[in-house]
Amino acid sequence: MTTGLQTIVYPVKDLARAKSLFGALLQVEPYADEPYYVGYKAAGQDVGLDPNGHGKGMTGPVPYWHVDDIQGRLAALLEAGGELLQDAQDVGGGRMIASVKDADGNLVGLIQDA
């Protein structure tokens, strides 16, 4: 089961410039501000900036579907023809993320919170 799209992560090359732009857009301070990730919460959405995203195969923003069984959803996507981009991994606080690429090159992310 999914609770919908609640998170989008942008790969960025210049984190300082991206923070300036998204700060101006969202008009909130980041809740996470680390050299490896900056995250904002605005209007019920989580917007992330990943300075390592391009190196991880991100070709553009990745929408993340929030699910209650990341392993099951990931297996279903792979069985349906998705290509594994990032296997499920804990990114802190029990939050698990994974991503796949569809046949058209679109990226699909999954998030499961503890």
N, C-alpha and C. Protein backbone atom coordinates (compact mmCIF):
# COMPACT_ATOMS: atom_id res chain seq x y z
N MET A 1 0.84 -1.18 0.00
CA MET A 1 0.00 0.00 0.00
C MET A 1 0.88 1.25 0.00
N THR A 2 0.41 2.28 -0.66
CA THR A 2 1.15 3.54 -0.69
C THR A 2 0.30 4.66 -0.07
N THR A 3 0.99 5.60 0.53
CA THR A 3 0.30 6.78 1.04
C THR A 3 0.54 7.97 0.12
N GLY A 4 1.07 7.71 -1.07
CA GLY A 4 1.21 8.74 -2.08
C GLY A 4 2.59 9.34 -2.20
N LEU A 5 2.67 10.28 -3.13
CA LEU A 5 3.92 11.01 -3.36
C LEU A 5 4.01 12.13 -2.33
N GLN A 6 5.02 12.05 -1.50
CA GLN A 6 5.20 13.08 -0.47
C GLN A 6 6.60 13.65 -0.48
N THR A 7 7.49 13.06 -1.26
CA THR A 7 8.89 13.47 -1.26
C THR A 7 9.41 13.53 -2.68
N ILE A 8 10.18 14.57 -2.96
CA ILE A 8 10.88 14.66 -4.24
C ILE A 8 12.31 15.09 -3.94
N VAL A 9 13.26 14.43 -4.59
CA VAL A 9 14.67 14.73 -4.36
C VAL A 9 15.30 15.15 -5.69
N TYR A 10 15.98 16.28 -5.66
CA TYR A 10 16.65 16.83 -6.83
C TYR A 10 18.16 16.57 -6.73
N PRO A 11 18.76 16.03 -7.78
CA PRO A 11 20.23 15.97 -7.80
C PRO A 11 20.75 17.36 -8.12
N VAL A 12 21.75 17.81 -7.38
CA VAL A 12 22.28 19.16 -7.61
C VAL A 12 23.80 19.10 -7.68
N LYS A 13 24.38 19.98 -8.47
CA LYS A 13 25.83 20.05 -8.59
C LYS A 13 26.42 21.09 -7.66
N ASP A 14 25.70 22.18 -7.42
CA ASP A 14 26.16 23.26 -6.56
C ASP A 14 25.14 23.40 -5.44
N LEU A 15 25.44 22.79 -4.29
CA LEU A 15 24.50 22.76 -3.18
C LEU A 15 24.15 24.15 -2.67
N ALA A 16 25.13 25.05 -2.58
CA ALA A 16 24.88 26.40 -2.08
C ALA A 16 23.90 27.15 -2.99
N ARG A 17 24.09 27.05 -4.29
CA ARG A 17 23.19 27.72 -5.24
C ARG A 17 21.80 27.11 -5.18
N ALA A 18 21.74 25.79 -5.08
CA ALA A 18 20.44 25.11 -5.00
C ALA A 18 19.71 25.50 -3.72
N LYS A 19 20.43 25.59 -2.60
CA LYS A 19 19.81 26.00 -1.33
C LYS A 19 19.24 27.41 -1.45
N SER A 20 19.96 28.28 -2.11
CA SER A 20 19.48 29.65 -2.29
C SER A 20 18.19 29.66 -3.11
N LEU A 21 18.18 28.92 -4.20
CA LEU A 21 17.01 28.89 -5.07
C LEU A 21 15.80 28.27 -4.37
N PHE A 22 15.99 27.10 -3.74
CA PHE A 22 14.86 26.43 -3.09
C PHE A 22 14.42 27.16 -1.83
N GLY A 23 15.33 27.84 -1.16
CA GLY A 23 14.95 28.68 -0.02
C GLY A 23 14.04 29.81 -0.48
N ALA A 24 14.39 30.43 -1.61
CA ALA A 24 13.55 31.50 -2.16
C ALA A 24 12.20 30.96 -2.61
N LEU A 25 12.18 29.78 -3.19
CA LEU A 25 10.93 29.19 -3.66
C LEU A 25 10.02 28.79 -2.50
N LEU A 26 10.57 28.05 -1.55
CA LEU A 26 9.75 27.45 -0.49
C LEU A 26 9.54 28.38 0.70
N GLN A 27 10.40 29.35 0.88
CA GLN A 27 10.34 30.34 1.95
C GLN A 27 10.30 29.71 3.34
N VAL A 28 11.07 28.63 3.50
CA VAL A 28 11.26 27.99 4.81
C VAL A 28 12.74 27.63 4.94
N GLU A 29 13.18 27.48 6.18
CA GLU A 29 14.54 27.03 6.44
C GLU A 29 14.59 25.51 6.31
N PRO A 30 15.71 24.95 5.91
CA PRO A 30 15.81 23.49 5.82
C PRO A 30 15.72 22.84 7.20
N TYR A 31 15.10 21.67 7.25
CA TYR A 31 15.07 20.90 8.50
C TYR A 31 16.34 20.04 8.61
N ALA A 32 16.98 19.76 7.47
CA ALA A 32 18.26 19.04 7.43
C ALA A 32 19.18 19.85 6.54
N ASP A 33 20.37 20.13 7.02
CA ASP A 33 21.31 20.94 6.25
C ASP A 33 22.71 20.36 6.46
N GLU A 34 23.00 19.32 5.68
CA GLU A 34 24.27 18.61 5.77
C GLU A 34 24.98 18.69 4.42
N PRO A 35 26.28 18.47 4.36
CA PRO A 35 27.00 18.50 3.09
C PRO A 35 26.51 17.44 2.10
N TYR A 36 25.87 16.38 2.60
CA TYR A 36 25.42 15.29 1.73
C TYR A 36 23.92 15.33 1.44
N TYR A 37 23.15 16.25 2.09
CA TYR A 37 21.71 16.32 1.86
C TYR A 37 21.14 17.56 2.54
N VAL A 38 20.26 18.24 1.83
CA VAL A 38 19.51 19.35 2.42
C VAL A 38 18.04 19.04 2.19
N GLY A 39 17.24 19.14 3.26
CA GLY A 39 15.83 18.81 3.15
C GLY A 39 14.95 19.93 3.67
N TYR A 40 13.85 20.16 2.97
CA TYR A 40 12.86 21.16 3.34
C TYR A 40 11.51 20.47 3.50
N LYS A 41 10.68 21.01 4.39
CA LYS A 41 9.28 20.60 4.50
C LYS A 41 8.44 21.84 4.22
N ALA A 42 7.59 21.73 3.20
CA ALA A 42 6.74 22.87 2.83
C ALA A 42 5.45 22.34 2.20
N ALA A 43 4.33 22.86 2.67
CA ALA A 43 3.03 22.53 2.10
C ALA A 43 2.78 21.02 2.06
N GLY A 44 3.20 20.31 3.10
CA GLY A 44 2.98 18.88 3.17
C GLY A 44 3.91 18.04 2.32
N GLN A 45 4.91 18.67 1.73
CA GLN A 45 5.87 17.97 0.88
C GLN A 45 7.25 18.03 1.51
N ASP A 46 8.03 16.99 1.22
CA ASP A 46 9.43 16.95 1.61
C ASP A 46 10.23 17.15 0.32
N VAL A 47 11.04 18.19 0.27
CA VAL A 47 11.85 18.50 -0.91
C VAL A 47 13.32 18.37 -0.50
N GLY A 48 14.03 17.47 -1.20
CA GLY A 48 15.43 17.23 -0.87
C GLY A 48 16.37 17.64 -1.98
N LEU A 49 17.57 18.01 -1.60
CA LEU A 49 18.65 18.35 -2.52
C LEU A 49 19.80 17.39 -2.26
N ASP A 50 20.21 16.64 -3.28
CA ASP A 50 21.25 15.63 -3.12
C ASP A 50 22.45 15.97 -4.00
N PRO A 51 23.55 16.46 -3.39
CA PRO A 51 24.72 16.82 -4.18
C PRO A 51 25.45 15.61 -4.76
N ASN A 52 25.08 14.41 -4.33
CA ASN A 52 25.69 13.18 -4.86
C ASN A 52 24.74 12.44 -5.80
N GLY A 53 23.61 13.04 -6.08
CA GLY A 53 22.58 12.37 -6.87
C GLY A 53 23.02 11.99 -8.27
N HIS A 54 23.71 12.88 -8.96
CA HIS A 54 24.14 12.56 -10.32
C HIS A 54 25.06 11.34 -10.32
N GLY A 55 25.91 11.24 -9.32
CA GLY A 55 26.83 10.11 -9.22
C GLY A 55 26.12 8.81 -8.90
N LYS A 56 24.89 8.90 -8.38
CA LYS A 56 24.10 7.71 -8.06
C LYS A 56 23.15 7.35 -9.19
N GLY A 57 23.28 8.02 -10.34
CA GLY A 57 22.44 7.69 -11.48
C GLY A 57 21.18 8.51 -11.62
N MET A 58 21.01 9.52 -10.77
CA MET A 58 19.82 10.37 -10.89
C MET A 58 20.00 11.29 -12.10
N THR A 59 19.06 11.23 -13.01
CA THR A 59 19.12 12.06 -14.21
C THR A 59 18.22 13.28 -14.11
N GLY A 60 17.48 13.38 -13.05
CA GLY A 60 16.56 14.47 -12.79
C GLY A 60 15.91 14.23 -11.45
N PRO A 61 14.90 15.03 -11.10
CA PRO A 61 14.22 14.84 -9.82
C PRO A 61 13.62 13.44 -9.71
N VAL A 62 13.64 12.90 -8.51
CA VAL A 62 13.06 11.58 -8.26
C VAL A 62 11.88 11.74 -7.31
N PRO A 63 10.69 11.38 -7.77
CA PRO A 63 9.54 11.36 -6.86
C PRO A 63 9.57 10.08 -6.03
N TYR A 64 9.35 10.22 -4.75
CA TYR A 64 9.36 9.07 -3.85
C TYR A 64 7.96 8.77 -3.36
N TRP A 65 7.52 7.54 -3.61
CA TRP A 65 6.24 7.03 -3.12
C TRP A 65 6.47 6.48 -1.72
N HIS A 66 5.63 6.89 -0.79
CA HIS A 66 5.72 6.39 0.58
C HIS A 66 4.92 5.10 0.66
N VAL A 67 5.58 4.03 1.09
CA VAL A 67 4.97 2.70 1.13
C VAL A 67 5.14 2.09 2.51
N ASP A 68 4.34 1.06 2.80
CA ASP A 68 4.45 0.40 4.09
C ASP A 68 5.26 -0.89 4.03
N ASP A 69 5.64 -1.34 2.83
CA ASP A 69 6.44 -2.56 2.66
C ASP A 69 7.42 -2.34 1.51
N ILE A 70 8.55 -1.72 1.80
CA ILE A 70 9.48 -1.34 0.74
C ILE A 70 10.04 -2.57 0.01
N GLN A 71 10.32 -3.63 0.74
CA GLN A 71 10.87 -4.82 0.08
C GLN A 71 9.84 -5.42 -0.88
N GLY A 72 8.59 -5.49 -0.47
CA GLY A 72 7.54 -6.03 -1.33
C GLY A 72 7.29 -5.18 -2.55
N ARG A 73 7.23 -3.86 -2.38
CA ARG A 73 7.00 -2.95 -3.51
C ARG A 73 8.19 -2.98 -4.45
N LEU A 74 9.41 -3.01 -3.91
CA LEU A 74 10.60 -3.06 -4.74
C LEU A 74 10.61 -4.34 -5.57
N ALA A 75 10.31 -5.47 -4.95
CA ALA A 75 10.26 -6.75 -5.67
C ALA A 75 9.21 -6.70 -6.77
N ALA A 76 8.06 -6.10 -6.49
CA ALA A 76 6.99 -6.00 -7.49
C ALA A 76 7.42 -5.15 -8.67
N LEU A 77 8.12 -4.04 -8.41
CA LEU A 77 8.58 -3.17 -9.49
C LEU A 77 9.62 -3.88 -10.34
N LEU A 78 10.53 -4.61 -9.71
CA LEU A 78 11.56 -5.33 -10.47
C LEU A 78 10.93 -6.45 -11.29
N GLU A 79 9.95 -7.12 -10.73
CA GLU A 79 9.25 -8.17 -11.45
C GLU A 79 8.47 -7.61 -12.65
N ALA A 80 8.03 -6.37 -12.51
CA ALA A 80 7.27 -5.72 -13.59
C ALA A 80 8.17 -5.09 -14.64
N GLY A 81 9.50 -5.28 -14.52
CA GLY A 81 10.41 -4.78 -15.54
C GLY A 81 11.26 -3.60 -15.12
N GLY A 82 11.12 -3.14 -13.89
CA GLY A 82 11.96 -2.05 -13.41
C GLY A 82 13.41 -2.48 -13.28
N GLU A 83 14.31 -1.53 -13.45
CA GLU A 83 15.75 -1.78 -13.31
C GLU A 83 16.21 -1.17 -11.98
N LEU A 84 16.86 -1.97 -11.15
CA LEU A 84 17.31 -1.51 -9.84
C LEU A 84 18.34 -0.40 -9.99
N LEU A 85 18.06 0.72 -9.37
CA LEU A 85 19.02 1.83 -9.32
C LEU A 85 19.68 1.85 -7.95
N GLN A 86 18.85 1.76 -6.90
CA GLN A 86 19.38 1.74 -5.54
C GLN A 86 18.55 0.76 -4.73
N ASP A 87 19.22 -0.26 -4.21
CA ASP A 87 18.54 -1.24 -3.36
C ASP A 87 18.10 -0.57 -2.06
N ALA A 88 17.15 -1.15 -1.38
CA ALA A 88 16.66 -0.61 -0.12
C ALA A 88 17.80 -0.45 0.87
N GLN A 89 17.88 0.74 1.45
CA GLN A 89 18.90 1.00 2.46
C GLN A 89 18.36 1.97 3.49
N ASP A 90 18.84 1.82 4.71
CA ASP A 90 18.46 2.70 5.81
C ASP A 90 19.29 3.98 5.69
N VAL A 91 18.62 5.12 5.64
CA VAL A 91 19.32 6.40 5.54
C VAL A 91 19.28 7.17 6.85
N GLY A 92 18.89 6.49 7.91
CA GLY A 92 18.88 7.10 9.23
C GLY A 92 17.49 7.15 9.84
N GLY A 93 17.44 6.94 11.12
CA GLY A 93 16.17 7.02 11.83
C GLY A 93 15.17 5.96 11.42
N GLY A 94 15.65 4.87 10.82
CA GLY A 94 14.74 3.82 10.37
C GLY A 94 14.09 4.08 9.02
N ARG A 95 14.41 5.20 8.39
CA ARG A 95 13.86 5.50 7.06
C ARG A 95 14.61 4.69 6.02
N MET A 96 13.86 3.93 5.24
CA MET A 96 14.42 3.12 4.16
C MET A 96 14.08 3.78 2.82
N ILE A 97 15.04 3.80 1.90
CA ILE A 97 14.76 4.29 0.56
C ILE A 97 15.29 3.30 -0.47
N ALA A 98 14.71 3.33 -1.64
CA ALA A 98 15.14 2.51 -2.78
C ALA A 98 14.67 3.23 -4.03
N SER A 99 15.25 2.88 -5.18
CA SER A 99 14.77 3.47 -6.43
C SER A 99 15.02 2.51 -7.60
N VAL A 100 14.16 2.66 -8.60
CA VAL A 100 14.25 1.88 -9.83
C VAL A 100 14.07 2.81 -11.01
N LYS A 101 14.43 2.30 -12.18
CA LYS A 101 14.24 3.03 -13.43
C LYS A 101 13.28 2.19 -14.27
N ASP A 102 12.28 2.86 -14.88
CA ASP A 102 11.36 2.12 -15.74
C ASP A 102 11.93 2.01 -17.15
N ALA A 103 11.21 1.36 -18.04
CA ALA A 103 11.69 1.10 -19.40
C ALA A 103 11.93 2.39 -20.19
N ASP A 104 11.32 3.50 -19.76
CA ASP A 104 11.49 4.77 -20.46
C ASP A 104 12.55 5.65 -19.81
N GLY A 105 13.22 5.12 -18.78
CA GLY A 105 14.26 5.88 -18.11
C GLY A 105 13.77 6.75 -16.98
N ASN A 106 12.46 6.69 -16.66
CA ASN A 106 11.91 7.45 -15.55
C ASN A 106 12.33 6.82 -14.24
N LEU A 107 12.63 7.65 -13.26
CA LEU A 107 13.04 7.16 -11.96
C LEU A 107 11.85 7.12 -11.01
N VAL A 108 11.76 6.04 -10.25
CA VAL A 108 10.69 5.87 -9.27
C VAL A 108 11.35 5.55 -7.93
N GLY A 109 11.08 6.38 -6.94
CA GLY A 109 11.65 6.17 -5.62
C GLY A 109 10.61 5.61 -4.67
N LEU A 110 11.10 4.89 -3.67
CA LEU A 110 10.26 4.34 -2.61
C LEU A 110 10.83 4.76 -1.26
N ILE A 111 9.95 5.09 -0.32
CA ILE A 111 10.35 5.41 1.05
C ILE A 111 9.45 4.63 1.99
N GLN A 112 10.08 4.06 3.01
CA GLN A 112 9.33 3.44 4.10
C GLN A 112 9.87 4.02 5.40
N ASP A 113 8.99 4.61 6.18
CA ASP A 113 9.39 5.13 7.47
C ASP A 113 9.16 4.09 8.55
N ALA A 114 10.01 4.14 9.56
CA ALA A 114 9.92 3.17 10.66
C ALA A 114 8.62 3.33 11.42
